[in-house]
Amino acid sequence: MKRLVVAVLMMSFFFSVGNQTGSAAAEQGELRGTITMSGAWALYPMAIKWAEEFQKINPKVRIDISAGGAGKGMADALGGAVDIGNVSREVYPAEIEKGAWWVSVTKDAVVPTINGDNPCLKKLFSQGVTRDAFIGIWITERVKSWRDVVDCEGNFPIHVYTRSDACGAAETWAKYLGGKQEDLMGVGVYGDPGLAEAVKKDALGIGFNNINYVFDNKTKKQVSGLRVLPIDLNGDRRLEEAENFYDSRDAIVEAIGNGDYPSPPARNLHFVCQGKPERKVVIEFIRWVLTEGQQFVPEAGYINLSEEKLRGELEKLDGK
C-alpha cells in the first residue's frame, strides 16, 4: 500500500507539472526541429521510448539517437556533435571544467551475468557470489576456477569478459569492485549486446550487463541462455530469500528502487549537454522527460527518480 501511495503521488507530480509546461508550450507555438543524441547503451532503450512518445505529441520534432557507450556520449556532447549525450556514470570534474551540464533522468543497475549452462549453476544459485570473489575474478585474477567461487565438482576455468568500449556499465561495475574500468581484466567485447552474446555462447563465461540487456522486454524474464548471477550481499555463502530478486525484471527493479540492490552497481543515468541548452526544442524535450515522460519509465524497465530529485533537476533546467 505504501508503494502504491508513493506511486500515485509521484504520478500526480509528473502530470501537474507536465500539464503546466505543456500548456505553456502550446501558447508559445508548435515545437519543431531536430534533436541529436548519442551515448550509453544503458540509456538507449529508454531514450528511444521517450523519443517515440515525445514525437507523437510533437510531430514536427525529429529525434535522432545512436548508442556507442557513455564515453562516446560525453565526447559527442562536449564536442558539439550532438545536443544530448547519454551518460551512465558519474560526470567527472574534468568534464565539468570543459562545460558539461547535466540532469539525471532515471535509474538502473549493472548485474553480473553467466551462461545458463554453467556446470556449477545449481551451487551458484544456492550460495550466490560475494563481492570479494568478484574482485578476485576481475581485478586481482586470483580466482580462476568456478570451484574457487562455490563448492563445485570439477575444475572448470572461468572465462572472464569485460567491455572494450569506454562505458558506464564497466566503470560502474569496476567502482563496485573498488577500481576503474581499466582495472577490469578479461576479454574485451564492444557494447552491451555484444557482451551479453559473448557470455551466452560460452558455458564457462562471466560478464556484466545493464538490466535491460538481460531481461526480455515482453516477458520480463531473463533472456534465453543468459542468467543473472546472484550477489551474496552478507557474505555468508548462502543466498537468503531477501537476496534473491533476480527471476524477473519487475523483482530486480523493485529491489533497486527499495535500495536492496547495492549502489553501485545501481546508478543514476544522465542527459549531458555542452553548457545549459539554449534551443527551445531541446529544453522542452528535457522538461517533458522530467515530467510527463516519467510515466514511461517503469514499463521500459527503469526506475523513477524520487519526486525531490526530479524537482531538483527541473530547477537546473529553469535556473540561470
Protein backbone atom coordinates (compact mmCIF):
# COMPACT_ATOMS: atom_id res chain seq x y z
CA MET A 1 0.00 0.00 0.00
CA LYS A 2 2.87 2.36 0.84
CA ARG A 3 4.42 1.86 -2.61
CA LEU A 4 1.01 2.46 -4.22
CA VAL A 5 0.57 5.75 -2.38
CA VAL A 6 4.08 6.87 -3.34
CA ALA A 7 3.45 5.95 -6.98
CA VAL A 8 0.19 7.88 -7.05
CA LEU A 9 1.82 10.94 -5.51
CA MET A 10 4.71 10.79 -8.00
CA MET A 11 2.41 10.49 -10.98
CA SER A 12 0.35 13.40 -9.63
CA PHE A 13 3.56 15.43 -9.56
CA PHE A 14 4.55 14.38 -13.10
CA PHE A 15 1.20 15.32 -14.60
CA SER A 16 0.59 18.52 -12.63
CA VAL A 17 3.97 19.92 -13.66
CA GLY A 18 3.69 18.37 -17.12
CA ASN A 19 0.29 19.89 -17.87
CA GLN A 20 1.57 23.33 -16.92
CA THR A 21 4.62 23.03 -19.16
CA GLY A 22 2.52 21.55 -21.97
CA SER A 23 0.11 24.50 -21.82
CA ALA A 24 2.99 26.93 -21.85
CA ALA A 25 4.49 25.25 -24.89
CA ALA A 26 1.15 25.41 -26.69
CA GLU A 27 0.87 29.13 -26.00
CA GLN A 28 4.35 29.71 -27.41
CA GLY A 29 3.67 27.80 -30.63
CA GLU A 30 4.23 24.35 -32.04
CA LEU A 31 7.60 22.75 -31.38
CA ARG A 32 9.73 21.83 -34.36
CA GLY A 33 13.31 20.95 -35.12
CA THR A 34 15.81 18.11 -34.74
CA ILE A 35 17.42 16.80 -31.56
CA THR A 36 20.50 14.59 -31.76
CA MET A 37 21.57 12.17 -29.03
CA SER A 38 24.29 9.56 -28.58
CA GLY A 39 25.95 7.56 -25.87
CA ALA A 40 25.26 4.96 -23.19
CA TRP A 41 23.83 1.60 -24.15
CA ALA A 42 22.20 1.64 -20.72
CA LEU A 43 20.04 4.62 -21.57
CA TYR A 44 19.45 3.77 -25.23
CA PRO A 45 16.16 1.77 -24.86
CA MET A 46 14.70 4.41 -22.53
CA ALA A 47 15.77 7.25 -24.81
CA ILE A 48 14.14 5.51 -27.79
CA LYS A 49 10.89 5.16 -25.86
CA TRP A 50 10.93 8.80 -24.78
CA ALA A 51 11.69 9.93 -28.32
CA GLU A 52 8.79 7.91 -29.76
CA GLU A 53 6.30 9.26 -27.24
CA PHE A 54 7.52 12.87 -27.48
CA GLN A 55 7.28 12.81 -31.27
CA LYS A 56 3.68 11.57 -31.06
CA ILE A 57 2.66 14.84 -29.40
CA ASN A 58 5.20 16.93 -31.33
CA PRO A 59 5.09 15.53 -34.88
CA LYS A 60 7.32 18.27 -36.28
CA VAL A 61 10.17 17.28 -33.97
CA ARG A 62 12.73 14.71 -35.10
CA ILE A 63 14.97 12.93 -32.58
CA ASP A 64 17.99 11.01 -33.87
CA ILE A 65 19.58 8.61 -31.36
CA SER A 66 22.66 6.40 -31.56
CA ALA A 67 24.39 4.24 -28.96
CA GLY A 68 28.11 3.62 -28.57
CA GLY A 69 28.85 3.91 -24.85
CA ALA A 70 28.87 6.62 -22.20
CA GLY A 71 32.33 7.77 -23.26
CA LYS A 72 31.09 8.46 -26.77
CA GLY A 73 28.03 10.29 -25.45
CA MET A 74 30.16 12.54 -23.28
CA ALA A 75 32.71 13.21 -26.03
CA ASP A 76 29.97 13.94 -28.59
CA ALA A 77 28.17 16.32 -26.23
CA LEU A 78 31.31 18.23 -25.22
CA GLY A 79 32.45 18.36 -28.83
CA GLY A 80 29.12 19.73 -30.07
CA ALA A 81 28.46 16.70 -32.26
CA VAL A 82 25.10 16.06 -30.54
CA ASP A 83 22.63 18.06 -28.49
CA ILE A 84 22.46 15.47 -25.70
CA GLY A 85 24.94 12.85 -24.59
CA ASN A 86 23.52 9.84 -22.75
CA VAL A 87 25.84 9.05 -19.85
CA SER A 88 25.54 6.15 -17.41
CA ARG A 89 28.28 7.05 -14.94
CA GLU A 90 29.36 9.99 -12.81
CA VAL A 91 30.26 13.22 -14.57
CA TYR A 92 33.94 13.82 -13.86
CA PRO A 93 35.36 17.16 -12.62
CA ALA A 94 37.49 17.48 -15.75
CA GLU A 95 34.32 17.21 -17.85
CA ILE A 96 32.59 19.86 -15.77
CA GLU A 97 35.58 22.14 -16.38
CA LYS A 98 35.03 21.62 -20.11
CA GLY A 99 31.44 22.82 -19.80
CA ALA A 100 29.47 19.65 -19.10
CA TRP A 101 25.94 20.45 -17.88
CA TRP A 102 23.68 17.55 -16.95
CA VAL A 103 20.44 16.36 -15.43
CA SER A 104 19.68 12.91 -14.05
CA VAL A 105 16.66 11.38 -15.79
CA THR A 106 16.22 7.81 -14.50
CA LYS A 107 17.95 4.95 -12.70
CA ASP A 108 19.00 1.38 -13.43
CA ALA A 109 21.75 -1.10 -12.43
CA VAL A 110 24.54 -3.30 -13.73
CA VAL A 111 24.29 -7.03 -12.92
CA PRO A 112 26.83 -9.88 -13.22
CA THR A 113 25.87 -12.48 -15.81
CA ILE A 114 26.69 -16.12 -16.56
CA ASN A 115 25.72 -18.71 -19.15
CA GLY A 116 22.56 -20.69 -18.49
CA ASP A 117 24.50 -23.94 -18.98
CA ASN A 118 27.21 -23.16 -16.42
CA PRO A 119 28.25 -26.52 -14.86
CA CYS A 120 28.08 -25.00 -11.35
CA LEU A 121 24.73 -23.26 -11.88
CA LYS A 122 22.85 -25.00 -9.04
CA LYS A 123 25.52 -24.18 -6.47
CA LEU A 124 25.87 -20.61 -7.70
CA PHE A 125 22.15 -20.07 -7.26
CA SER A 126 22.07 -21.57 -3.79
CA GLN A 127 25.19 -19.81 -2.47
CA GLY A 128 25.47 -16.63 -4.54
CA VAL A 129 28.82 -14.92 -5.15
CA THR A 130 30.50 -12.48 -2.76
CA ARG A 131 31.97 -9.12 -3.70
CA ASP A 132 35.41 -10.45 -2.73
CA ALA A 133 35.04 -13.28 -5.24
CA PHE A 134 34.11 -10.80 -7.98
CA ILE A 135 37.21 -8.77 -7.09
CA GLY A 136 39.26 -11.96 -7.41
CA ILE A 137 37.77 -12.65 -10.84
CA TRP A 138 38.04 -9.21 -12.45
CA ILE A 139 40.67 -7.24 -10.51
CA THR A 140 43.31 -9.45 -8.87
CA GLU A 141 42.77 -12.56 -11.05
CA ARG A 142 43.35 -14.79 -8.02
CA VAL A 143 40.02 -16.56 -8.68
CA LYS A 144 40.47 -18.57 -11.86
CA SER A 145 38.19 -21.60 -11.42
CA TRP A 146 34.49 -21.93 -10.70
CA ARG A 147 35.28 -24.27 -7.79
CA ASP A 148 37.17 -21.32 -6.24
CA VAL A 149 33.83 -19.49 -6.17
CA VAL A 150 31.44 -22.21 -4.93
CA ASP A 151 31.60 -25.85 -3.84
CA CYS A 152 31.52 -27.29 -7.35
CA GLU A 153 32.77 -30.64 -8.62
CA GLY A 154 35.21 -30.42 -11.50
CA ASN A 155 37.98 -27.95 -12.23
CA PHE A 156 36.21 -25.63 -14.66
CA PRO A 157 38.08 -22.43 -15.58
CA ILE A 158 36.32 -19.08 -15.50
CA HIS A 159 36.24 -17.28 -18.85
CA VAL A 160 36.13 -13.59 -17.99
CA TYR A 161 34.60 -10.95 -20.28
CA THR A 162 34.55 -7.18 -19.97
CA ARG A 163 33.75 -4.17 -22.17
CA SER A 164 36.19 -2.86 -24.77
CA ASP A 165 34.41 0.49 -25.21
CA ALA A 166 34.52 3.37 -22.73
CA CYS A 167 31.22 2.83 -20.96
CA GLY A 168 29.27 3.50 -17.82
CA ALA A 169 28.49 -0.18 -17.20
CA ALA A 170 32.17 -1.13 -16.91
CA GLU A 171 33.02 1.97 -14.87
CA THR A 172 30.09 1.31 -12.52
CA TRP A 173 30.88 -2.40 -12.11
CA ALA A 174 34.55 -1.56 -11.51
CA LYS A 175 33.58 1.03 -8.91
CA TYR A 176 31.61 -1.64 -7.03
CA LEU A 177 34.80 -3.73 -7.02
CA GLY A 178 36.95 -0.82 -5.85
CA GLY A 179 38.59 0.02 -9.17
CA LYS A 180 38.19 1.74 -12.53
CA GLN A 181 37.27 0.35 -15.95
CA GLU A 182 40.92 -0.04 -16.95
CA ASP A 183 41.43 -2.31 -13.91
CA LEU A 184 38.93 -4.88 -15.17
CA MET A 185 40.59 -7.97 -16.62
CA GLY A 186 39.10 -10.23 -19.28
CA VAL A 187 38.36 -10.41 -22.98
CA GLY A 188 37.10 -7.02 -24.15
CA VAL A 189 33.80 -7.00 -26.05
CA TYR A 190 32.12 -3.99 -27.61
CA GLY A 191 28.71 -2.88 -26.35
CA ASP A 192 26.04 -4.29 -24.06
CA PRO A 193 24.55 -6.55 -26.76
CA GLY A 194 28.00 -7.87 -27.67
CA LEU A 195 28.93 -8.71 -24.09
CA ALA A 196 25.61 -10.46 -23.48
CA GLU A 197 26.07 -12.50 -26.66
CA ALA A 198 29.64 -13.49 -25.72
CA VAL A 199 28.50 -14.93 -22.37
CA LYS A 200 25.51 -16.65 -23.99
CA LYS A 201 27.93 -18.52 -26.28
CA ASP A 202 30.34 -19.61 -23.53
CA ALA A 203 29.17 -22.07 -20.85
CA LEU A 204 32.10 -21.05 -18.62
CA GLY A 205 31.76 -17.32 -19.26
CA ILE A 206 31.08 -14.47 -16.84
CA GLY A 207 30.28 -10.87 -17.71
CA PHE A 208 28.10 -7.94 -16.68
CA ASN A 209 25.24 -6.09 -18.31
CA ASN A 210 22.72 -3.34 -17.79
CA ILE A 211 19.47 -4.97 -16.71
CA ASN A 212 17.61 -4.18 -19.94
CA TYR A 213 20.01 -6.42 -21.89
CA VAL A 214 19.45 -9.39 -19.55
CA PHE A 215 15.65 -9.37 -19.33
CA ASP A 216 13.23 -9.80 -22.23
CA ASN A 217 11.14 -6.65 -22.67
CA LYS A 218 7.91 -8.59 -23.35
CA THR A 219 8.08 -11.48 -20.88
CA LYS A 220 10.20 -9.59 -18.31
CA LYS A 221 12.04 -12.86 -17.70
CA GLN A 222 15.76 -13.47 -18.17
CA VAL A 223 16.64 -13.92 -21.83
CA SER A 224 17.30 -17.45 -23.03
CA GLY A 225 20.84 -18.64 -22.40
CA LEU A 226 21.79 -15.82 -20.02
CA ARG A 227 21.36 -15.72 -16.24
CA VAL A 228 21.90 -13.02 -13.66
CA LEU A 229 24.48 -14.23 -11.14
CA PRO A 230 23.12 -13.58 -7.62
CA ILE A 231 25.26 -11.48 -5.27
CA ASP A 232 25.77 -12.86 -1.76
CA LEU A 233 25.27 -9.50 -0.06
CA ASN A 234 26.03 -10.56 3.51
CA GLY A 235 28.93 -12.87 2.62
CA ASP A 236 27.63 -15.96 4.42
CA ARG A 237 27.95 -18.18 1.30
CA ARG A 238 24.23 -18.82 1.37
CA LEU A 239 21.68 -16.99 -0.76
CA GLU A 240 18.95 -15.74 1.55
CA GLU A 241 15.41 -15.20 0.30
CA ALA A 242 15.83 -11.45 0.78
CA GLU A 243 18.88 -11.52 -1.53
CA ASN A 244 17.15 -13.45 -4.33
CA PHE A 245 15.30 -10.96 -6.53
CA TYR A 246 16.64 -11.85 -9.98
CA ASP A 247 13.97 -14.07 -11.56
CA SER A 248 12.05 -11.23 -13.20
CA ARG A 249 12.73 -7.69 -14.30
CA ASP A 250 9.95 -6.41 -12.04
CA ALA A 251 11.55 -8.05 -9.00
CA ILE A 252 15.01 -6.57 -9.54
CA VAL A 253 13.57 -3.16 -10.46
CA GLU A 254 11.71 -3.18 -7.14
CA ALA A 255 14.90 -4.22 -5.32
CA ILE A 256 16.85 -1.37 -6.93
CA GLY A 257 14.10 1.11 -6.09
CA ASN A 258 13.99 -0.06 -2.47
CA GLY A 259 17.75 0.08 -2.08
CA ASP A 260 18.04 -3.70 -1.58
CA TYR A 261 20.46 -3.94 -4.52
CA PRO A 262 23.78 -2.17 -3.78
CA SER A 263 24.71 1.20 -5.24
CA PRO A 264 26.94 0.93 -7.14
CA PRO A 265 26.22 -1.08 -9.27
CA ALA A 266 22.82 0.65 -9.15
CA ARG A 267 23.26 4.19 -10.56
CA ASN A 268 21.55 7.27 -11.96
CA LEU A 269 21.55 7.89 -15.73
CA HIS A 270 22.07 11.36 -17.18
CA PHE A 271 21.48 13.68 -20.12
CA VAL A 272 24.66 15.74 -20.70
CA CYS A 273 24.96 18.90 -22.80
CA GLN A 274 27.78 21.31 -23.64
CA GLY A 275 26.58 24.06 -21.35
CA LYS A 276 22.97 24.61 -20.41
CA PRO A 277 20.87 24.05 -23.57
CA GLU A 278 19.56 27.13 -25.32
CA ARG A 279 17.47 25.71 -28.16
CA LYS A 280 13.77 25.65 -27.26
CA VAL A 281 13.15 22.18 -28.71
CA VAL A 282 15.95 20.65 -26.60
CA ILE A 283 14.83 22.44 -23.44
CA GLU A 284 11.22 21.35 -23.85
CA PHE A 285 12.20 17.75 -24.58
CA ILE A 286 14.28 17.57 -21.39
CA ARG A 287 11.47 19.23 -19.44
CA TRP A 288 8.98 16.68 -20.80
CA VAL A 289 11.31 13.78 -19.90
CA LEU A 290 11.49 15.05 -16.30
CA THR A 291 7.69 15.41 -16.09
CA GLU A 292 5.17 13.61 -18.34
CA GLY A 293 7.89 11.34 -19.73
CA GLN A 294 8.40 9.73 -16.33
CA GLN A 295 5.21 7.71 -16.78
CA PHE A 296 7.05 5.53 -19.34
CA VAL A 297 9.98 4.71 -17.04
CA PRO A 298 8.59 1.62 -15.21
CA GLU A 299 7.22 -0.07 -18.33
CA ALA A 300 10.61 0.33 -20.02
CA GLY A 301 12.32 -1.48 -17.15
CA TYR A 302 13.89 1.51 -15.43
CA ILE A 303 13.38 3.13 -12.01
CA ASN A 304 11.83 6.54 -11.40
CA LEU A 305 13.92 9.06 -9.53
CA SER A 306 12.34 10.49 -6.39
CA GLU A 307 9.99 13.45 -6.66
CA GLU A 308 12.54 15.55 -4.76
CA LYS A 309 15.33 14.56 -7.17
CA LEU A 310 13.18 15.36 -10.22
CA ARG A 311 12.26 18.78 -8.81
CA GLY A 312 15.95 19.47 -8.32
CA GLU A 313 16.72 18.51 -11.93
CA LEU A 314 13.93 20.80 -13.17
CA GLU A 315 15.44 23.64 -11.17
CA LYS A 316 18.73 23.09 -13.01
CA LEU A 317 16.85 23.45 -16.29
CA ASP A 318 14.96 26.57 -15.22
CA GLY A 319 17.76 28.23 -13.24
CA LYS A 320 20.25 30.69 -14.63
